[in-house]
């Protein structure tokens, strides 16, 4: 089990990203417009740099929803490999069975 503080920090980052998502996307879309004058694009770059770094989606760490483990994460199941194997072995995940040959 991961530390509760690490899980809560990650959840806080998710909330910050969601709160700043629209403004960040609009600034980035306007930055991609090459027809804007250089000065306007420079001010947009400064505006993007002034935003909190936690507003970037790359700051979020994928964590297992069962244990909070950050490594060995399967996006499809939102679980770590260990939790997936354990729950799959007990038959709690539909369509997952233990391989044997």
N, C-alpha and C. Protein backbone atom coordinates (compact mmCIF):
# COMPACT_ATOMS: atom_id res chain seq x y z
N UNK A 1 0.84 -1.18 0.00
CA UNK A 1 0.00 0.00 0.00
C UNK A 1 0.88 1.24 0.00
N UNK A 2 0.58 2.16 -0.86
CA UNK A 2 1.34 3.40 -0.95
C UNK A 2 0.98 4.33 0.21
N UNK A 3 1.86 5.29 0.46
CA UNK A 3 1.58 6.26 1.51
C UNK A 3 0.35 7.08 1.13
N UNK A 4 -0.47 7.34 2.12
CA UNK A 4 -1.69 8.11 1.87
C UNK A 4 -1.36 9.52 1.38
N UNK A 5 -0.24 10.07 1.85
CA UNK A 5 0.12 11.42 1.42
C UNK A 5 0.46 11.45 -0.07
N UNK A 6 1.11 10.39 -0.58
CA UNK A 6 1.44 10.34 -2.01
C UNK A 6 0.18 10.22 -2.85
N UNK A 7 -0.77 9.43 -2.37
CA UNK A 7 -2.03 9.27 -3.09
C UNK A 7 -2.80 10.58 -3.09
N UNK A 8 -2.84 11.25 -1.95
CA UNK A 8 -3.57 12.52 -1.85
C UNK A 8 -2.91 13.62 -2.68
N UNK A 9 -1.57 13.66 -2.71
CA UNK A 9 -0.87 14.63 -3.55
C UNK A 9 -1.24 14.43 -5.01
N UNK A 10 -1.31 13.18 -5.44
CA UNK A 10 -1.66 12.89 -6.82
C UNK A 10 -3.11 13.29 -7.11
N UNK A 11 -4.00 13.03 -6.17
CA UNK A 11 -5.40 13.43 -6.35
C UNK A 11 -5.54 14.94 -6.41
N UNK A 12 -4.74 15.65 -5.60
CA UNK A 12 -4.75 17.12 -5.63
C UNK A 12 -4.28 17.62 -6.99
N UNK A 13 -3.24 16.98 -7.53
CA UNK A 13 -2.74 17.37 -8.86
C UNK A 13 -3.80 17.14 -9.92
N UNK A 14 -4.55 16.04 -9.81
CA UNK A 14 -5.64 15.78 -10.76
C UNK A 14 -6.69 16.90 -10.73
N UNK A 15 -7.04 17.35 -9.52
CA UNK A 15 -8.02 18.43 -9.40
C UNK A 15 -7.48 19.73 -9.99
N UNK A 16 -6.19 20.03 -9.77
CA UNK A 16 -5.59 21.25 -10.31
C UNK A 16 -5.56 21.21 -11.83
N UNK A 17 -5.20 20.06 -12.39
CA UNK A 17 -5.16 19.92 -13.85
C UNK A 17 -6.55 20.14 -14.43
N UNK A 18 -7.56 19.55 -13.79
CA UNK A 18 -8.93 19.70 -14.28
C UNK A 18 -9.40 21.14 -14.20
N UNK A 19 -9.01 21.85 -13.15
CA UNK A 19 -9.42 23.24 -12.97
C UNK A 19 -8.80 24.16 -14.02
N UNK A 20 -7.57 23.89 -14.44
CA UNK A 20 -6.85 24.76 -15.37
C UNK A 20 -6.89 24.25 -16.81
N UNK A 21 -7.61 23.17 -17.05
CA UNK A 21 -7.57 22.51 -18.35
C UNK A 21 -8.01 23.42 -19.50
N UNK A 22 -9.13 24.10 -19.33
CA UNK A 22 -9.67 24.93 -20.43
C UNK A 22 -8.74 26.10 -20.77
N UNK A 23 -8.26 26.81 -19.76
CA UNK A 23 -7.41 27.96 -20.04
C UNK A 23 -6.08 27.51 -20.66
N UNK A 24 -5.54 26.42 -20.14
CA UNK A 24 -4.27 25.91 -20.66
C UNK A 24 -4.41 25.47 -22.12
N UNK A 25 -5.51 24.78 -22.44
CA UNK A 25 -5.73 24.34 -23.82
C UNK A 25 -5.94 25.52 -24.76
N UNK A 26 -6.67 26.54 -24.30
CA UNK A 26 -6.91 27.69 -25.17
C UNK A 26 -5.61 28.44 -25.47
N UNK A 27 -4.76 28.59 -24.47
CA UNK A 27 -3.47 29.27 -24.68
C UNK A 27 -2.60 28.45 -25.63
N UNK A 28 -2.57 27.14 -25.43
CA UNK A 28 -1.74 26.30 -26.29
C UNK A 28 -2.26 26.27 -27.73
N UNK A 29 -3.59 26.29 -27.90
CA UNK A 29 -4.15 26.33 -29.26
C UNK A 29 -3.80 27.64 -29.96
N UNK A 30 -3.87 28.74 -29.21
CA UNK A 30 -3.53 30.03 -29.82
C UNK A 30 -2.05 30.12 -30.13
N UNK A 31 -1.22 29.45 -29.33
CA UNK A 31 0.23 29.44 -29.58
C UNK A 31 0.57 28.72 -30.88
N UNK A 32 -0.23 27.73 -31.24
CA UNK A 32 0.04 26.95 -32.45
C UNK A 32 -0.27 27.73 -33.72
N UNK A 33 -1.03 28.82 -33.58
CA UNK A 33 -1.39 29.65 -34.75
C UNK A 33 -0.17 30.45 -35.18
N UNK A 34 0.40 30.09 -36.31
CA UNK A 34 1.62 30.74 -36.80
C UNK A 34 1.35 32.10 -37.45
N UNK A 35 0.08 32.45 -37.65
CA UNK A 35 -0.23 33.73 -38.28
C UNK A 35 -0.20 34.89 -37.27
N UNK A 36 -0.19 34.56 -35.98
CA UNK A 36 -0.12 35.62 -34.97
C UNK A 36 1.24 36.30 -35.00
N UNK A 37 1.28 37.58 -34.68
CA UNK A 37 2.57 38.28 -34.61
C UNK A 37 3.44 37.69 -33.50
N UNK A 38 4.73 37.87 -33.67
CA UNK A 38 5.71 37.31 -32.73
C UNK A 38 5.48 37.81 -31.30
N UNK A 39 5.16 39.11 -31.16
CA UNK A 39 4.96 39.68 -29.83
C UNK A 39 3.79 39.03 -29.10
N UNK A 40 2.70 38.77 -29.86
CA UNK A 40 1.53 38.13 -29.25
C UNK A 40 1.86 36.71 -28.81
N UNK A 41 2.60 36.00 -29.64
CA UNK A 41 2.97 34.63 -29.28
C UNK A 41 3.93 34.62 -28.10
N UNK A 42 4.75 35.64 -28.02
CA UNK A 42 5.66 35.73 -26.88
C UNK A 42 4.89 35.97 -25.58
N UNK A 43 3.89 36.83 -25.62
CA UNK A 43 3.08 37.05 -24.42
C UNK A 43 2.30 35.80 -24.04
N UNK A 44 1.83 35.05 -25.03
CA UNK A 44 1.14 33.79 -24.74
C UNK A 44 2.09 32.77 -24.11
N UNK A 45 3.33 32.76 -24.57
CA UNK A 45 4.33 31.86 -23.99
C UNK A 45 4.59 32.22 -22.53
N UNK A 46 4.66 33.51 -22.25
CA UNK A 46 4.87 33.96 -20.87
C UNK A 46 3.66 33.61 -20.00
N UNK A 47 2.46 33.75 -20.58
CA UNK A 47 1.25 33.41 -19.83
C UNK A 47 1.23 31.92 -19.50
N UNK A 48 1.65 31.09 -20.44
CA UNK A 48 1.71 29.65 -20.20
C UNK A 48 2.77 29.31 -19.16
N UNK A 49 3.89 30.02 -19.19
CA UNK A 49 4.96 29.77 -18.22
C UNK A 49 4.58 30.23 -16.82
N UNK A 50 3.72 31.23 -16.72
CA UNK A 50 3.32 31.75 -15.42
C UNK A 50 2.29 30.86 -14.73
N UNK A 51 1.62 29.99 -15.50
CA UNK A 51 0.66 29.08 -14.89
C UNK A 51 1.39 28.11 -13.97
N UNK A 52 0.68 27.64 -12.96
CA UNK A 52 1.29 26.71 -12.03
C UNK A 52 1.72 25.43 -12.75
N UNK A 53 2.87 24.90 -12.35
CA UNK A 53 3.40 23.72 -13.04
C UNK A 53 2.53 22.50 -12.80
N UNK A 54 1.81 22.49 -11.70
CA UNK A 54 0.93 21.37 -11.41
C UNK A 54 -0.29 21.34 -12.33
N UNK A 55 -0.50 22.39 -13.11
CA UNK A 55 -1.62 22.41 -14.04
C UNK A 55 -1.35 21.60 -15.29
N UNK A 56 -0.11 21.14 -15.46
CA UNK A 56 0.24 20.33 -16.61
C UNK A 56 -0.15 18.88 -16.36
N UNK A 57 -0.73 18.24 -17.37
CA UNK A 57 -1.20 16.86 -17.22
C UNK A 57 -0.06 15.87 -17.05
N UNK A 58 1.15 16.25 -17.44
CA UNK A 58 2.28 15.33 -17.30
C UNK A 58 2.72 15.18 -15.85
N UNK A 59 2.20 16.02 -14.96
CA UNK A 59 2.56 15.93 -13.55
C UNK A 59 1.81 14.82 -12.83
N UNK A 60 0.73 14.32 -13.45
CA UNK A 60 -0.08 13.28 -12.82
C UNK A 60 0.62 11.93 -12.98
N UNK A 61 0.64 11.17 -11.90
CA UNK A 61 1.24 9.84 -11.91
C UNK A 61 0.11 8.82 -11.90
N UNK A 62 0.15 7.87 -12.83
CA UNK A 62 -0.85 6.81 -12.84
C UNK A 62 -0.62 5.89 -11.64
N UNK A 63 -1.66 5.72 -10.84
CA UNK A 63 -1.55 4.89 -9.64
C UNK A 63 -2.68 3.88 -9.62
N UNK A 64 -2.38 2.72 -9.03
CA UNK A 64 -3.37 1.66 -8.86
C UNK A 64 -4.50 2.18 -7.98
N UNK A 65 -5.76 1.93 -8.38
CA UNK A 65 -6.88 2.40 -7.58
C UNK A 65 -7.13 1.52 -6.36
N UNK A 66 -6.56 0.32 -6.36
CA UNK A 66 -6.73 -0.58 -5.23
C UNK A 66 -5.67 -0.33 -4.17
N UNK A 67 -4.40 -0.29 -4.59
CA UNK A 67 -3.30 -0.18 -3.62
C UNK A 67 -2.58 1.15 -3.64
N UNK A 68 -2.69 1.91 -4.72
CA UNK A 68 -1.98 3.18 -4.83
C UNK A 68 -0.58 3.02 -5.39
N UNK A 69 -0.21 1.80 -5.80
CA UNK A 69 1.13 1.53 -6.32
C UNK A 69 1.35 2.27 -7.63
N UNK A 70 2.50 2.98 -7.79
CA UNK A 70 2.74 3.76 -9.00
C UNK A 70 3.40 2.97 -10.13
N UNK A 71 3.99 1.82 -9.83
CA UNK A 71 4.71 1.06 -10.86
C UNK A 71 3.88 -0.13 -11.32
N UNK A 72 4.17 -0.61 -12.53
CA UNK A 72 3.48 -1.79 -13.05
C UNK A 72 2.01 -1.54 -13.22
N UNK A 73 1.64 -0.41 -13.81
CA UNK A 73 0.26 0.04 -13.91
C UNK A 73 -0.32 -0.33 -15.27
N UNK A 74 -1.49 -0.97 -15.27
CA UNK A 74 -2.22 -1.28 -16.50
C UNK A 74 -3.33 -0.25 -16.67
N UNK A 75 -3.25 0.53 -17.74
CA UNK A 75 -4.24 1.59 -17.95
C UNK A 75 -5.65 1.05 -18.17
N UNK A 76 -5.73 -0.07 -18.85
CA UNK A 76 -7.04 -0.64 -19.17
C UNK A 76 -7.83 -0.97 -17.91
N UNK A 77 -7.15 -1.43 -16.88
CA UNK A 77 -7.82 -1.84 -15.66
C UNK A 77 -7.66 -0.83 -14.53
N UNK A 78 -6.79 0.15 -14.71
CA UNK A 78 -6.47 1.14 -13.68
C UNK A 78 -5.97 0.47 -12.41
N UNK A 79 -5.15 -0.58 -12.61
CA UNK A 79 -4.61 -1.35 -11.49
C UNK A 79 -3.16 -1.70 -11.74
N UNK A 80 -2.46 -2.00 -10.65
CA UNK A 80 -1.10 -2.48 -10.78
C UNK A 80 -1.13 -3.96 -11.13
N UNK A 81 0.00 -4.47 -11.57
CA UNK A 81 0.08 -5.87 -11.99
C UNK A 81 -0.19 -6.82 -10.83
N UNK A 82 0.21 -6.42 -9.64
CA UNK A 82 0.04 -7.27 -8.47
C UNK A 82 -1.44 -7.37 -8.09
N UNK A 83 -2.13 -6.23 -8.03
CA UNK A 83 -3.55 -6.23 -7.69
C UNK A 83 -4.36 -6.94 -8.78
N UNK A 84 -3.95 -6.76 -10.04
CA UNK A 84 -4.64 -7.41 -11.16
C UNK A 84 -4.54 -8.92 -11.05
N UNK A 85 -3.35 -9.40 -10.74
CA UNK A 85 -3.15 -10.85 -10.63
C UNK A 85 -3.93 -11.42 -9.45
N UNK A 86 -3.91 -10.72 -8.34
CA UNK A 86 -4.62 -11.22 -7.17
C UNK A 86 -6.13 -11.25 -7.38
N UNK A 87 -6.69 -10.16 -7.88
CA UNK A 87 -8.13 -10.11 -8.11
C UNK A 87 -8.55 -11.06 -9.24
N UNK A 88 -7.68 -11.19 -10.25
CA UNK A 88 -7.97 -12.12 -11.34
C UNK A 88 -7.95 -13.56 -10.88
N UNK A 89 -7.06 -13.89 -9.96
CA UNK A 89 -6.98 -15.26 -9.45
C UNK A 89 -8.21 -15.62 -8.63
N UNK A 90 -8.80 -14.63 -7.97
CA UNK A 90 -10.01 -14.88 -7.18
C UNK A 90 -11.27 -14.79 -8.03
N UNK A 91 -11.13 -14.47 -9.33
CA UNK A 91 -12.28 -14.39 -10.23
C UNK A 91 -13.11 -13.14 -10.05
N UNK A 92 -12.51 -12.07 -9.56
CA UNK A 92 -13.26 -10.84 -9.31
C UNK A 92 -13.24 -9.87 -10.50
N UNK A 93 -12.44 -10.18 -11.53
CA UNK A 93 -12.39 -9.35 -12.71
C UNK A 93 -12.96 -10.16 -13.88
N UNK A 94 -14.05 -9.71 -14.49
CA UNK A 94 -14.66 -10.47 -15.57
C UNK A 94 -13.73 -10.60 -16.77
N UNK A 95 -13.62 -11.80 -17.31
CA UNK A 95 -12.83 -12.04 -18.51
C UNK A 95 -11.37 -12.32 -18.25
N UNK A 96 -10.92 -12.26 -17.02
CA UNK A 96 -9.53 -12.52 -16.68
C UNK A 96 -9.45 -13.88 -15.98
N UNK A 97 -8.64 -14.77 -16.57
CA UNK A 97 -8.40 -16.06 -15.93
C UNK A 97 -6.90 -16.31 -15.92
N UNK A 98 -6.47 -17.11 -14.99
CA UNK A 98 -5.05 -17.44 -14.87
C UNK A 98 -4.69 -18.42 -15.98
N UNK A 99 -3.59 -18.12 -16.66
CA UNK A 99 -3.16 -18.98 -17.77
C UNK A 99 -2.54 -20.25 -17.22
N UNK A 100 -2.84 -21.37 -17.88
CA UNK A 100 -2.18 -22.64 -17.55
C UNK A 100 -2.10 -23.49 -18.81
N UNK A 101 -0.94 -24.02 -19.07
CA UNK A 101 -0.75 -24.86 -20.25
C UNK A 101 0.24 -25.94 -19.99
